[in-house]
């Protein structure tokens, strides 16, 4: 810390909440009505001499640079806010209005993501760079503000995806790189896991990772049976849950699908993730019997997992959806960049992916979590993952009624329904075109938190601030306003006519859409590029029955 007209003036000790600190005094050399303080941070890890030289270089390089730095910062934020936004009830409502709060908190949470834009490591789901004194969340946790539930070096994929998926429709692709490149940097170790433990190929990613691609030791479990598979986490929630990495493969593909970016550096990674499922489940089948595939030439995805909920699953629909969508998308988007060998492998792999499983509830066809499962361990609803994130079912897509039946009749989907934390009911309902339900769960999700800062939600299932809560809220609002199917762009698939809104969101093919709805009428409709205006279909005020018939 330094500043003109300031000099060091001793230190003092103190305590704030449960944290001891040492304070450093600065005193003005002469009286002044204005002071300027500069703080330089050198975050490199090295011996003191190297670190100190680095600090001096930092100070020298930025000397008298604060005015330009301020201009650069303002320019960055202006670009950020112009790129995408959602304002609700603009200029017409009070801060207590729940619809106004949705837009306010969408902006505030996106601001929090922006503050954490370019770190070497991803923005963590349990607060990003924002920390709180833990006693305000749990009086028994008398630790420093560095404490977080699920802290340390652990990356939890199911939670991380909800932080990064909203950046697709907000066009914040530059902010996604640290999360996607994080996975790519771990590919070699993930492939070594498969080779060392099971002697086959493919990148094996567990649900909870350390920063070097091996399982978090608490989930791997220190006290393990001597004869237990050394490649497995000995954990009731996480066993056989391999498929969460595929959602980050989806984000990699969306970089090209939405922004037209070159994604060649991700192709080998995605293939390796798919290959793991292909080779590992043939490996497991050969442990049980003579044949590697079932009687129809399909993989037997057993034991598997439907999220953390349906354990010891046989052919979980969430896994099947992921494999189908990623393999097809990779071939569609990167087929001409793949080697002939990789392309032929993917096409062969597609023939081995089993079909989705269906059931009947009260004579209604529904999606089921899996072919079979042995127990229910959590409260996620992976039977609706074919709706989100995998988009096999939705507005304008075939057989929407089956997905709607699953939402309406599946007893677990009904029992687990909530807006708290990482719950996705606000997203599912929006994707299904259920306006009333989307209104309910998104207003609950995006209501002001109980803290002074409205977007410090939580703890939910995680911590404060809960970035899962904010990320899933952003996604739900985006899906209420804009969805895309087979080149058609649906406006207001789950948005009520009497909620005023002004938004700018991103669609596929480098498309940006800005719309303002005032008192039930469209006042602004800007589509860039202009030729995509012909693909717009306005669903404002359409009934559920009308949306079901769109396909």
Protein backbone atom coordinates (compact mmCIF):
# COMPACT_ATOMS: atom_id res chain seq x y z
CA UNK A 1 0.00 0.00 0.00
CA UNK A 2 1.38 3.39 -0.91
CA UNK A 3 0.28 6.87 -1.77
CA UNK A 4 1.49 10.41 -2.25
CA UNK A 5 1.61 12.42 0.97
CA UNK A 6 1.36 9.23 3.04
CA UNK A 7 3.89 7.54 5.32
CA UNK A 8 3.87 4.30 7.38
CA UNK A 9 2.89 4.92 11.01
CA UNK A 10 3.18 1.64 12.90
CA UNK A 11 0.95 -1.40 13.24
CA UNK A 12 -1.78 -2.62 15.53
CA UNK A 13 -3.55 -5.89 16.33
CA UNK A 14 -7.28 -6.53 16.33
CA UNK A 15 -10.04 -9.06 15.86
CA UNK A 16 -13.03 -8.91 13.51
CA UNK A 17 -15.66 -11.56 14.21
CA UNK A 18 -13.49 -14.69 14.58
CA UNK A 19 -10.48 -13.48 12.62
CA UNK A 20 -7.33 -12.07 14.20
CA UNK A 21 -5.66 -9.42 12.10
CA UNK A 22 -2.67 -7.12 11.99
CA UNK A 23 -3.37 -3.57 10.85
CA UNK A 24 -0.96 -1.15 9.18
CA UNK A 25 -1.38 2.58 9.79
CA UNK A 26 -0.72 5.25 7.20
CA UNK A 27 -0.53 8.91 8.18
CA UNK A 28 -0.58 11.99 5.97
CA UNK A 29 2.66 13.95 5.86
CA UNK A 30 0.76 17.23 5.65
CA UNK A 31 -2.97 18.05 5.98
CA UNK A 32 -5.01 17.47 2.84
CA UNK A 33 -8.68 17.31 1.84
CA UNK A 34 -8.00 14.47 -0.63
CA UNK A 35 -5.90 11.33 -0.44
CA UNK A 36 -5.12 8.63 -2.98
CA UNK A 37 -4.14 5.12 -1.91
CA UNK A 38 -2.62 2.52 -4.25
CA UNK A 39 -2.66 -1.19 -3.45
CA UNK A 40 -0.41 -3.57 -5.41
CA UNK A 41 -0.92 -7.33 -5.27
CA UNK A 42 1.71 -9.81 -6.41
CA UNK A 43 0.06 -13.23 -6.25
CA UNK A 44 2.97 -15.31 -7.58
CA UNK A 45 4.28 -18.08 -5.34
CA UNK A 46 8.08 -18.02 -5.08
CA UNK A 47 10.95 -17.32 -2.70
CA UNK A 48 10.88 -13.92 -1.04
CA UNK A 49 13.60 -12.31 -3.16
CA UNK A 50 11.90 -13.30 -6.44
CA UNK A 51 8.50 -12.29 -5.09
CA UNK A 52 9.78 -8.90 -3.90
CA UNK A 53 11.42 -8.17 -7.26
CA UNK A 54 8.15 -9.10 -8.94
CA UNK A 55 6.26 -6.70 -6.70
CA UNK A 56 8.69 -3.87 -7.54
CA UNK A 57 8.28 -4.60 -11.27
CA UNK A 58 4.51 -4.49 -10.86
CA UNK A 59 4.70 -1.10 -9.16
CA UNK A 60 7.08 0.26 -11.77
CA UNK A 61 4.99 -0.97 -14.71
CA UNK A 62 1.83 0.63 -13.32
CA UNK A 63 3.29 3.89 -12.06
CA UNK A 64 1.06 6.88 -12.89
CA UNK A 65 -1.21 4.51 -14.81
CA UNK A 66 -4.31 4.73 -12.65
CA UNK A 67 -6.27 7.11 -14.92
CA UNK A 68 -5.85 4.86 -17.95
CA UNK A 69 -6.58 1.80 -15.83
CA UNK A 70 -9.84 3.41 -14.70
CA UNK A 71 -10.81 4.15 -18.32
CA UNK A 72 -9.99 0.57 -19.34
CA UNK A 73 -12.11 -0.78 -16.50
CA UNK A 74 -15.06 1.42 -17.44
CA UNK A 75 -14.75 0.36 -21.07
CA UNK A 76 -14.72 -3.33 -20.08
CA UNK A 77 -17.84 -3.00 -17.94
CA UNK A 78 -19.66 -0.96 -20.60
CA UNK A 79 -18.97 -3.70 -23.13
CA UNK A 80 -20.08 -6.32 -20.62
CA UNK A 81 -23.40 -4.61 -19.88
CA UNK A 82 -24.12 -3.89 -23.54
CA UNK A 83 -23.47 -7.50 -24.49
CA UNK A 84 -26.49 -8.86 -22.64
CA UNK A 85 -29.10 -7.90 -20.06
CA UNK A 86 -32.56 -8.65 -18.70
CA UNK A 87 -34.53 -5.78 -17.15
CA UNK A 88 -37.96 -6.54 -15.69
CA UNK A 89 -40.72 -4.01 -14.88
CA UNK A 90 -38.27 -1.26 -15.82
CA UNK A 91 -39.25 2.22 -14.55
CA UNK A 92 -42.59 0.89 -13.42
CA UNK A 93 -42.16 -0.90 -10.14
CA UNK A 94 -40.81 -0.80 -6.63
CA UNK A 95 -37.91 -2.77 -5.21
CA UNK A 96 -40.40 -4.93 -3.30
CA UNK A 97 -42.03 -6.20 -6.47
CA UNK A 98 -41.07 -9.85 -7.11
CA UNK A 99 -40.89 -9.42 -10.89
CA UNK A 100 -38.67 -6.36 -10.53
CA UNK A 101 -36.42 -8.35 -8.19
CA UNK A 102 -35.95 -11.03 -10.85
CA UNK A 103 -34.35 -8.56 -13.25
CA UNK A 104 -32.45 -6.73 -10.53
CA UNK A 105 -30.92 -9.92 -9.17
CA UNK A 106 -30.20 -11.30 -12.64
CA UNK A 107 -28.05 -8.21 -13.24
CA UNK A 108 -26.46 -8.33 -9.78
CA UNK A 109 -25.50 -11.98 -10.07
CA UNK A 110 -24.10 -11.49 -13.56
CA UNK A 111 -22.05 -8.65 -12.08
CA UNK A 112 -20.67 -11.12 -9.51
CA UNK A 113 -19.69 -13.48 -12.33
CA UNK A 114 -18.07 -10.58 -14.18
CA UNK A 115 -15.97 -9.72 -11.12
CA UNK A 116 -14.50 -13.21 -11.36
CA UNK A 117 -14.13 -13.28 -15.14
CA UNK A 118 -10.57 -14.23 -15.99
CA UNK A 119 -8.99 -16.22 -13.18
CA UNK A 120 -6.63 -19.04 -14.02
CA UNK A 121 -9.01 -21.36 -12.20
CA UNK A 122 -12.79 -21.37 -12.62
CA UNK A 123 -15.26 -19.38 -10.53
CA UNK A 124 -16.20 -21.82 -7.78
CA UNK A 125 -19.84 -22.55 -7.15
CA UNK A 126 -19.60 -21.84 -3.41
CA UNK A 127 -19.02 -18.12 -3.66
CA UNK A 128 -16.48 -17.39 -6.37
CA UNK A 129 -14.20 -14.67 -5.00
CA UNK A 130 -16.90 -13.47 -2.59
CA UNK A 131 -16.53 -14.70 0.97
CA UNK A 132 -18.43 -14.09 4.20
CA UNK A 133 -17.73 -14.65 7.88
CA UNK A 134 -19.11 -18.17 8.37
CA UNK A 135 -20.68 -17.38 11.75
CA UNK A 136 -23.34 -15.37 9.89
CA UNK A 137 -24.40 -18.59 8.18
CA UNK A 138 -23.75 -21.07 10.98
CA UNK A 139 -22.84 -19.76 14.44
CA UNK A 140 -20.88 -22.95 15.18
CA UNK A 141 -18.41 -22.31 12.35
CA UNK A 142 -16.05 -19.90 14.08
CA UNK A 143 -13.53 -19.78 11.24
CA UNK A 144 -12.11 -17.05 9.02
CA UNK A 145 -13.96 -15.81 5.91
CA UNK A 146 -11.77 -18.16 3.86
CA UNK A 147 -13.99 -21.03 5.02
CA UNK A 148 -16.45 -22.47 2.51
CA UNK A 149 -18.51 -25.63 2.51
CA UNK A 150 -17.09 -27.98 -0.14
CA UNK A 151 -13.97 -25.80 -0.08
CA UNK A 152 -10.29 -26.41 -0.71
CA UNK A 153 -9.21 -27.64 -4.13
CA UNK A 154 -12.41 -29.57 -4.78
CA UNK A 155 -14.28 -28.95 -8.03
CA UNK A 156 -17.81 -30.32 -8.05
CA UNK A 157 -18.97 -30.71 -11.63
CA UNK A 158 -22.75 -30.72 -11.16
CA UNK A 159 -22.48 -27.46 -9.25
CA UNK A 160 -19.92 -25.86 -11.55
CA UNK A 161 -22.04 -26.37 -14.67
CA UNK A 162 -24.81 -24.14 -13.30
CA UNK A 163 -22.29 -21.32 -12.86
CA UNK A 164 -21.17 -21.50 -16.50
CA UNK A 165 -24.21 -22.54 -18.57
CA UNK A 166 -25.90 -19.11 -18.27
CA UNK A 167 -22.86 -17.51 -19.94
CA UNK A 168 -23.89 -19.09 -23.26
CA UNK A 169 -27.06 -17.04 -23.79
CA UNK A 170 -25.52 -13.97 -22.18
CA UNK A 171 -22.72 -14.22 -24.77
CA UNK A 172 -19.97 -14.24 -22.13
CA UNK A 173 -17.86 -16.82 -23.95
CA UNK A 174 -14.62 -15.10 -22.94
CA UNK A 175 -15.51 -15.82 -19.31
CA UNK A 176 -16.01 -19.55 -19.93
CA UNK A 177 -12.45 -20.28 -20.98
CA UNK A 178 -11.01 -20.86 -17.49
CA UNK A 179 -13.61 -23.56 -16.75
CA UNK A 180 -13.27 -25.33 -20.09
CA UNK A 181 -9.49 -25.11 -20.23
CA UNK A 182 -9.36 -26.38 -16.64
CA UNK A 183 -10.83 -29.67 -17.85
CA UNK A 184 -8.55 -29.86 -20.88
CA UNK A 185 -5.51 -29.37 -18.63
CA UNK A 186 -6.56 -32.49 -16.69
CA UNK A 187 -7.03 -34.76 -19.71
CA UNK A 188 -3.71 -36.60 -19.43
CA UNK A 189 -4.22 -37.53 -15.77
CA UNK A 190 -7.84 -38.53 -16.45
CA UNK A 191 -6.64 -40.85 -19.21
CA UNK A 192 -3.94 -42.26 -16.95
CA UNK A 193 -6.65 -43.14 -14.41
CA UNK A 194 -8.34 -45.35 -16.99
CA UNK A 195 -5.09 -46.93 -18.11
CA UNK A 196 -3.62 -47.56 -14.65
CA UNK A 197 -6.78 -48.83 -12.94
CA UNK A 198 -8.55 -50.67 -15.77
CA UNK A 199 -6.11 -50.84 -18.67
CA UNK A 200 -8.39 -49.20 -21.20
CA UNK A 201 -8.56 -45.83 -22.96
CA UNK A 202 -10.61 -42.71 -22.39
CA UNK A 203 -10.61 -39.87 -19.87
CA UNK A 204 -12.18 -40.84 -16.55
CA UNK A 205 -13.51 -37.83 -14.63
CA UNK A 206 -15.16 -38.28 -11.26
CA UNK A 207 -17.86 -35.93 -9.98
CA UNK A 208 -15.67 -34.33 -7.29
CA UNK A 209 -12.17 -33.55 -8.56
CA UNK A 210 -9.00 -32.22 -7.11
CA UNK A 211 -7.09 -29.75 -9.29
CA UNK A 212 -4.94 -32.58 -10.66
CA UNK A 213 -7.87 -34.70 -11.91
CA UNK A 214 -7.92 -37.32 -9.15
CA UNK A 215 -10.89 -37.71 -6.80
CA UNK A 216 -11.15 -35.57 -3.72
CA UNK A 217 -9.73 -37.81 -0.95
CA UNK A 218 -12.69 -37.31 1.38
CA UNK A 219 -14.99 -38.71 -1.36
CA UNK A 220 -12.46 -41.35 -2.41
CA UNK A 221 -12.56 -42.29 1.30
CA UNK A 222 -9.52 -42.95 3.44
CA UNK A 223 -10.90 -46.17 4.97
CA UNK A 224 -11.62 -48.44 2.02
CA UNK A 225 -12.08 -52.20 1.79
CA UNK A 226 -8.82 -53.78 0.71
CA UNK A 227 -10.37 -55.47 -2.32
CA UNK A 228 -12.46 -52.46 -3.52
CA UNK A 229 -11.80 -51.22 -7.08
CA UNK A 230 -8.97 -48.67 -6.63
CA UNK A 231 -10.34 -46.51 -9.43
CA UNK A 232 -13.66 -45.99 -7.67
CA UNK A 233 -14.80 -43.41 -5.15
CA UNK A 234 -16.04 -45.24 -2.05
CA UNK A 235 -19.00 -42.92 -1.63
CA UNK A 236 -22.73 -43.59 -1.65
CA UNK A 237 -23.55 -40.37 -3.52
CA UNK A 238 -20.78 -40.37 -6.10
CA UNK A 239 -20.15 -44.00 -7.00
CA UNK A 240 -20.33 -44.64 -10.75
CA UNK A 241 -21.15 -41.01 -11.51
CA UNK A 242 -18.91 -40.34 -14.48
CA UNK A 243 -21.13 -38.36 -16.83
CA UNK A 244 -21.00 -34.83 -15.41
CA UNK A 245 -17.94 -33.96 -17.52
CA UNK A 246 -20.15 -34.29 -20.60
CA UNK A 247 -21.97 -31.08 -19.69
CA UNK A 248 -18.66 -29.24 -20.04
CA UNK A 249 -18.17 -30.98 -23.38
CA UNK A 250 -21.54 -29.46 -24.28
CA UNK A 251 -20.25 -25.99 -23.38
CA UNK A 252 -17.17 -26.56 -25.52
CA UNK A 253 -19.37 -27.39 -28.50
CA UNK A 254 -21.62 -24.39 -27.80
CA UNK A 255 -18.60 -22.10 -28.25
CA UNK A 256 -18.81 -22.94 -31.95
CA UNK A 257 -22.56 -23.39 -32.16
CA UNK A 258 -23.29 -19.93 -30.72
CA UNK A 259 -20.16 -17.83 -31.29
CA UNK A 260 -18.56 -19.54 -34.28
CA UNK A 261 -15.31 -20.07 -32.40
CA UNK A 262 -12.65 -22.54 -33.46
CA UNK A 263 -12.96 -25.46 -31.04
CA UNK A 264 -10.38 -27.84 -32.52
CA UNK A 265 -8.44 -27.84 -29.25
CA UNK A 266 -11.47 -29.46 -27.57
CA UNK A 267 -12.19 -32.19 -30.12
CA UNK A 268 -9.71 -34.76 -28.79
CA UNK A 269 -10.83 -34.08 -25.25
CA UNK A 270 -14.49 -34.69 -26.08
CA UNK A 271 -13.71 -37.91 -27.95
CA UNK A 272 -11.64 -39.12 -25.00
CA UNK A 273 -14.56 -38.50 -22.62
CA UNK A 274 -16.92 -40.47 -24.87
CA UNK A 275 -14.39 -43.25 -25.33
CA UNK A 276 -14.23 -43.77 -21.58
CA UNK A 277 -17.91 -44.76 -21.49
CA UNK A 278 -17.52 -46.99 -24.52
CA UNK A 279 -14.50 -48.88 -23.22
CA UNK A 280 -15.27 -48.85 -19.50
CA UNK A 281 -18.73 -50.33 -19.84
CA UNK A 282 -17.50 -52.99 -22.24
CA UNK A 283 -14.77 -53.69 -19.66
CA UNK A 284 -17.36 -54.02 -16.85
CA UNK A 285 -19.58 -56.24 -19.00
CA UNK A 286 -16.64 -58.59 -19.59
CA UNK A 287 -16.10 -58.78 -15.81
CA UNK A 288 -19.65 -60.13 -15.49
CA UNK A 289 -19.86 -62.40 -18.50
CA UNK A 290 -18.66 -63.40 -21.94
CA UNK A 291 -20.22 -60.58 -24.04
CA UNK A 292 -19.26 -56.89 -24.05
CA UNK A 293 -22.63 -55.68 -25.44
CA UNK A 294 -26.27 -56.61 -24.96
CA UNK A 295 -28.34 -58.67 -27.39
CA UNK A 296 -29.02 -55.58 -29.50
CA UNK A 297 -25.37 -54.61 -29.76
CA UNK A 298 -25.74 -51.80 -27.21
CA UNK A 299 -23.64 -50.85 -24.22
CA UNK A 300 -24.94 -51.91 -20.82
CA UNK A 301 -24.38 -48.80 -18.66
CA UNK A 302 -24.32 -50.73 -15.39
CA UNK A 303 -23.53 -49.90 -12.69
CA UNK A 304 -24.32 -46.28 -13.40
CA UNK A 305 -25.92 -43.32 -11.73
CA UNK A 306 -28.81 -40.97 -12.45
CA UNK A 307 -27.14 -37.81 -11.08
CA UNK A 308 -26.51 -38.41 -7.35
CA UNK A 309 -30.09 -39.61 -6.92
CA UNK A 310 -30.72 -42.96 -8.61
CA UNK A 311 -27.86 -45.23 -7.62
CA UNK A 312 -26.62 -48.51 -9.04
CA UNK A 313 -28.63 -47.61 -12.11
CA UNK A 314 -28.89 -49.65 -15.29
CA UNK A 315 -28.88 -47.40 -18.39
CA UNK A 316 -29.59 -44.05 -16.70
CA UNK A 317 -31.45 -41.69 -19.04
CA UNK A 318 -29.26 -38.76 -18.02
CA UNK A 319 -26.16 -40.62 -19.23
CA UNK A 320 -27.79 -41.90 -22.41
CA UNK A 321 -29.02 -38.37 -23.29
CA UNK A 322 -25.56 -36.95 -22.75
CA UNK A 323 -23.83 -39.54 -24.91
CA UNK A 324 -26.38 -39.19 -27.72
CA UNK A 325 -26.24 -35.40 -27.83
CA UNK A 326 -22.48 -34.98 -27.46
CA UNK A 327 -21.62 -37.58 -30.11
CA UNK A 328 -24.12 -36.12 -32.59
CA UNK A 329 -23.11 -32.50 -31.91
CA UNK A 330 -19.41 -33.26 -32.25
CA UNK A 331 -19.95 -34.91 -35.63
CA UNK A 332 -22.22 -32.07 -36.82
CA UNK A 333 -20.00 -29.22 -35.66
CA UNK A 334 -16.50 -30.63 -36.05
CA UNK A 335 -16.90 -33.51 -38.49
CA UNK A 336 -14.75 -31.86 -41.16
CA UNK A 337 -11.96 -31.24 -38.63
CA UNK A 338 -11.80 -34.80 -37.34
CA UNK A 339 -9.52 -37.46 -38.73
CA UNK A 340 -11.18 -40.20 -40.73
CA UNK A 341 -10.36 -42.58 -37.89
CA UNK A 342 -12.02 -40.38 -35.22
CA UNK A 343 -15.05 -39.75 -37.40
CA UNK A 344 -15.58 -43.46 -38.06
CA UNK A 345 -15.07 -44.23 -34.39
CA UNK A 346 -17.78 -41.74 -33.36
CA UNK A 347 -20.25 -43.10 -35.90
CA UNK A 348 -19.60 -46.62 -34.63
CA UNK A 349 -19.95 -45.46 -31.03
CA UNK A 350 -23.35 -43.93 -31.83
CA UNK A 351 -24.64 -47.38 -32.82
CA UNK A 352 -23.66 -48.70 -29.36
CA UNK A 353 -25.47 -46.01 -27.32
CA UNK A 354 -28.63 -47.52 -25.83
CA UNK A 355 -32.02 -45.87 -26.39
CA UNK A 356 -33.83 -43.82 -23.75
CA UNK A 357 -36.10 -45.63 -21.31
CA UNK A 358 -39.81 -44.90 -20.87
CA UNK A 359 -42.52 -45.94 -18.44
CA UNK A 360 -46.21 -45.50 -17.71
CA UNK A 361 -47.78 -43.55 -14.85
CA UNK A 362 -51.58 -43.51 -14.74
CA UNK A 363 -51.58 -44.50 -18.43
CA UNK A 364 -49.31 -41.58 -19.32
CA UNK A 365 -46.03 -42.21 -21.13
CA UNK A 366 -43.15 -40.77 -19.11
CA UNK A 367 -39.36 -40.58 -19.08
CA UNK A 368 -37.92 -42.71 -16.29
CA UNK A 369 -34.62 -42.19 -14.45
CA UNK A 370 -33.16 -45.47 -15.74
CA UNK A 371 -34.05 -48.97 -16.84
CA UNK A 372 -33.63 -50.03 -13.20
CA UNK A 373 -32.04 -48.64 -10.05
CA UNK A 374 -31.45 -49.93 -6.54
CA UNK A 375 -31.91 -46.90 -4.28
CA UNK A 376 -32.66 -43.17 -4.17
CA UNK A 377 -29.85 -41.15 -2.58
CA UNK A 378 -30.53 -37.46 -3.28
CA UNK A 379 -33.26 -35.14 -4.59
CA UNK A 380 -32.21 -34.30 -8.16
CA UNK A 381 -34.57 -35.12 -11.04
CA UNK A 382 -32.39 -36.62 -13.81
CA UNK A 383 -35.47 -38.09 -15.51
CA UNK A 384 -35.90 -34.52 -16.81
CA UNK A 385 -32.28 -34.10 -17.94
CA UNK A 386 -33.39 -35.03 -21.49
CA UNK A 387 -35.24 -31.69 -21.25
CA UNK A 388 -32.34 -29.76 -19.67
CA UNK A 389 -29.46 -29.67 -20.25
CA UNK A 390 -29.70 -32.10 -23.15
CA UNK A 391 -32.59 -30.53 -25.04
CA UNK A 392 -33.97 -33.71 -26.60
CA UNK A 393 -37.42 -32.62 -25.43
CA UNK A 394 -38.75 -29.08 -25.31
CA UNK A 395 -40.84 -26.46 -27.06
CA UNK A 396 -40.95 -27.15 -30.79
CA UNK A 397 -39.47 -30.64 -30.41
CA UNK A 398 -41.11 -34.03 -30.98
CA UNK A 399 -43.13 -35.79 -28.29
CA UNK A 400 -43.20 -32.85 -25.87
CA UNK A 401 -46.17 -34.52 -24.17
CA UNK A 402 -43.97 -37.31 -22.76
CA UNK A 403 -41.74 -34.77 -21.03
CA UNK A 404 -44.78 -32.83 -19.78
CA UNK A 405 -46.21 -36.08 -18.35
CA UNK A 406 -42.93 -36.67 -16.51
CA UNK A 407 -43.15 -33.19 -14.95
CA UNK A 408 -46.81 -33.66 -14.00
CA UNK A 409 -46.97 -37.26 -12.82
CA UNK A 410 -43.56 -38.60 -11.77
CA UNK A 411 -43.86 -38.98 -7.95
CA UNK A 412 -40.19 -38.16 -7.27
CA UNK A 413 -40.28 -35.13 -9.59
CA UNK A 414 -43.29 -33.87 -7.61
CA UNK A 415 -41.80 -34.69 -4.21
CA UNK A 416 -38.42 -33.09 -4.93
CA UNK A 417 -39.80 -29.89 -6.48
CA UNK A 418 -38.23 -26.71 -5.08
CA UNK A 419 -36.52 -23.42 -5.98
CA UNK A 420 -33.66 -23.75 -3.47
CA UNK A 421 -29.99 -23.89 -4.47
CA UNK A 422 -29.17 -26.06 -7.46
CA UNK A 423 -32.76 -27.20 -8.01
CA UNK A 424 -33.69 -26.91 -11.70
CA UNK A 425 -37.49 -26.89 -11.61
CA UNK A 426 -37.46 -23.26 -12.73
CA UNK A 427 -35.47 -24.35 -15.80
CA UNK A 428 -37.48 -27.50 -16.54
CA UNK A 429 -40.81 -25.64 -16.42
CA UNK A 430 -39.50 -22.89 -18.72
CA UNK A 431 -38.08 -25.42 -21.20
CA UNK A 432 -41.43 -27.20 -21.25
CA UNK A 433 -43.33 -23.98 -22.00
CA UNK A 434 -45.19 -24.08 -18.67
CA UNK A 435 -45.67 -20.36 -18.12
CA UNK A 436 -47.46 -20.45 -14.75
CA UNK A 437 -44.95 -22.87 -13.22
CA UNK A 438 -41.98 -20.97 -14.69
CA UNK A 439 -43.35 -17.75 -13.20
CA UNK A 440 -43.68 -19.38 -9.79
CA UNK A 441 -40.29 -21.05 -9.54
CA UNK A 442 -38.29 -18.26 -11.16
CA UNK A 443 -39.76 -15.55 -8.94
CA UNK A 444 -39.01 -17.72 -5.90
CA UNK A 445 -35.52 -18.47 -7.16
CA UNK A 446 -34.62 -14.86 -7.97
CA UNK A 447 -36.24 -13.15 -4.98
CA UNK A 448 -33.98 -11.05 -2.76
CA UNK A 449 -31.81 -13.05 -0.41
CA UNK A 450 -32.11 -12.59 3.32
CA UNK A 451 -28.86 -10.62 3.34
CA UNK A 452 -28.03 -6.98 2.68
CA UNK A 453 -26.78 -7.82 -0.81
CA UNK A 454 -29.83 -9.23 -2.62
CA UNK A 455 -27.88 -11.75 -4.72
CA UNK A 456 -26.05 -13.37 -1.80
CA UNK A 457 -28.33 -16.41 -1.76
CA UNK A 458 -27.80 -19.51 0.28
CA UNK A 459 -26.59 -21.57 1.86
CA UNK A 460 -29.04 -23.84 0.02
CA UNK A 461 -27.17 -27.12 -0.37
CA UNK A 462 -23.83 -25.39 -0.67
CA UNK A 463 -22.69 -22.10 0.86
CA UNK A 464 -23.14 -18.32 0.87
CA UNK A 465 -23.16 -16.82 -1.67
CA UNK A 466 -24.60 -19.80 -3.54
CA UNK A 467 -23.56 -19.44 -7.18
CA UNK A 468 -25.67 -22.50 -8.08
CA UNK A 469 -28.72 -20.58 -6.92
CA UNK A 470 -27.88 -17.54 -9.04
CA UNK A 471 -26.72 -19.51 -12.08
CA UNK A 472 -29.82 -21.71 -12.23
CA UNK A 473 -31.93 -18.56 -11.77
CA UNK A 474 -30.24 -16.88 -14.72
CA UNK A 475 -30.77 -19.96 -16.90
CA UNK A 476 -34.45 -20.19 -15.94
CA UNK A 477 -35.11 -16.57 -16.88
CA UNK A 478 -33.24 -16.92 -20.18
CA UNK A 479 -35.29 -20.02 -21.06
CA UNK A 480 -38.56 -18.23 -20.24
CA UNK A 481 -37.63 -15.56 -22.80
CA UNK A 482 -35.79 -17.34 -25.59
CA UNK A 483 -35.43 -20.88 -26.87
CA UNK A 484 -34.21 -22.32 -30.15
CA UNK A 485 -35.14 -25.48 -32.02
CA UNK A 486 -34.00 -26.60 -35.48
CA UNK A 487 -33.14 -23.07 -36.58
CA UNK A 488 -36.35 -21.53 -35.22
CA UNK A 489 -36.03 -18.92 -32.46
CA UNK A 490 -38.94 -18.95 -30.04
CA UNK A 491 -39.66 -15.70 -28.20
CA UNK A 492 -41.45 -15.83 -24.84
CA UNK A 493 -41.94 -19.63 -24.69
CA UNK A 494 -42.81 -19.33 -20.98
CA UNK A 495 -43.14 -15.58 -20.30
CA UNK A 496 -46.45 -14.00 -19.22
CA UNK A 497 -47.93 -11.23 -21.34
CA UNK A 498 -48.32 -8.79 -18.45
CA UNK A 499 -44.68 -8.85 -17.28
CA UNK A 500 -42.80 -5.98 -18.91
CA UNK A 501 -39.27 -6.92 -19.91
CA UNK A 502 -36.37 -5.61 -21.96
CA UNK A 503 -33.67 -8.14 -22.82
CA UNK A 504 -30.72 -8.81 -25.06
CA UNK A 505 -29.70 -12.46 -25.37
CA UNK A 506 -27.62 -14.58 -27.72
CA UNK A 507 -28.72 -17.43 -29.97
CA UNK A 508 -26.90 -19.83 -32.28
CA UNK A 509 -25.08 -18.74 -35.45
CA UNK A 510 -23.66 -15.56 -33.87
CA UNK A 511 -27.16 -14.16 -33.41
CA UNK A 512 -28.11 -11.43 -30.94
CA UNK A 513 -31.75 -10.65 -30.15
CA UNK A 514 -33.01 -7.57 -28.35
CA UNK A 515 -36.67 -7.34 -27.41
CA UNK A 516 -38.74 -4.97 -25.31
CA UNK A 517 -42.22 -5.97 -24.18
CA UNK A 518 -44.38 -3.17 -22.73
CA UNK A 519 -47.96 -3.77 -21.61
CA UNK A 520 -48.25 -6.86 -23.77
CA UNK A 521 -46.88 -5.23 -26.94
CA UNK A 522 -43.50 -5.60 -28.64
CA UNK A 523 -41.83 -2.19 -28.77
CA UNK A 524 -38.37 -3.27 -29.84
CA UNK A 525 -37.27 -6.26 -31.88
CA UNK A 526 -33.67 -6.13 -33.11
CA UNK A 527 -32.05 -9.21 -34.60
CA UNK A 528 -28.40 -9.29 -35.63
CA UNK A 529 -27.77 -10.54 -38.26
CA UNK A 530 -30.94 -9.20 -39.88
CA UNK A 531 -31.53 -12.34 -41.98
CA UNK A 532 -32.31 -14.34 -38.84
CA UNK A 533 -35.40 -12.23 -38.22
CA UNK A 534 -37.29 -14.66 -40.45
CA UNK A 535 -36.57 -17.44 -37.93
CA UNK A 536 -38.37 -15.65 -35.06
CA UNK A 537 -41.62 -17.17 -33.78
CA UNK A 538 -43.46 -15.21 -31.09
CA UNK A 539 -45.17 -17.49 -28.53
CA UNK A 540 -46.41 -14.74 -26.23
CA UNK A 541 -49.82 -15.73 -24.87
CA UNK A 542 -49.84 -19.16 -26.54
CA UNK A 543 -51.42 -21.99 -24.56
CA UNK A 544 -49.71 -25.19 -23.45
CA UNK A 545 -51.72 -27.09 -26.07
CA UNK A 546 -50.57 -24.74 -28.84
CA UNK A 547 -46.93 -25.13 -27.80
CA UNK A 548 -47.28 -28.92 -27.73
CA UNK A 549 -48.39 -28.88 -31.39
CA UNK A 550 -45.47 -26.75 -32.63
CA UNK A 551 -43.31 -29.66 -33.75
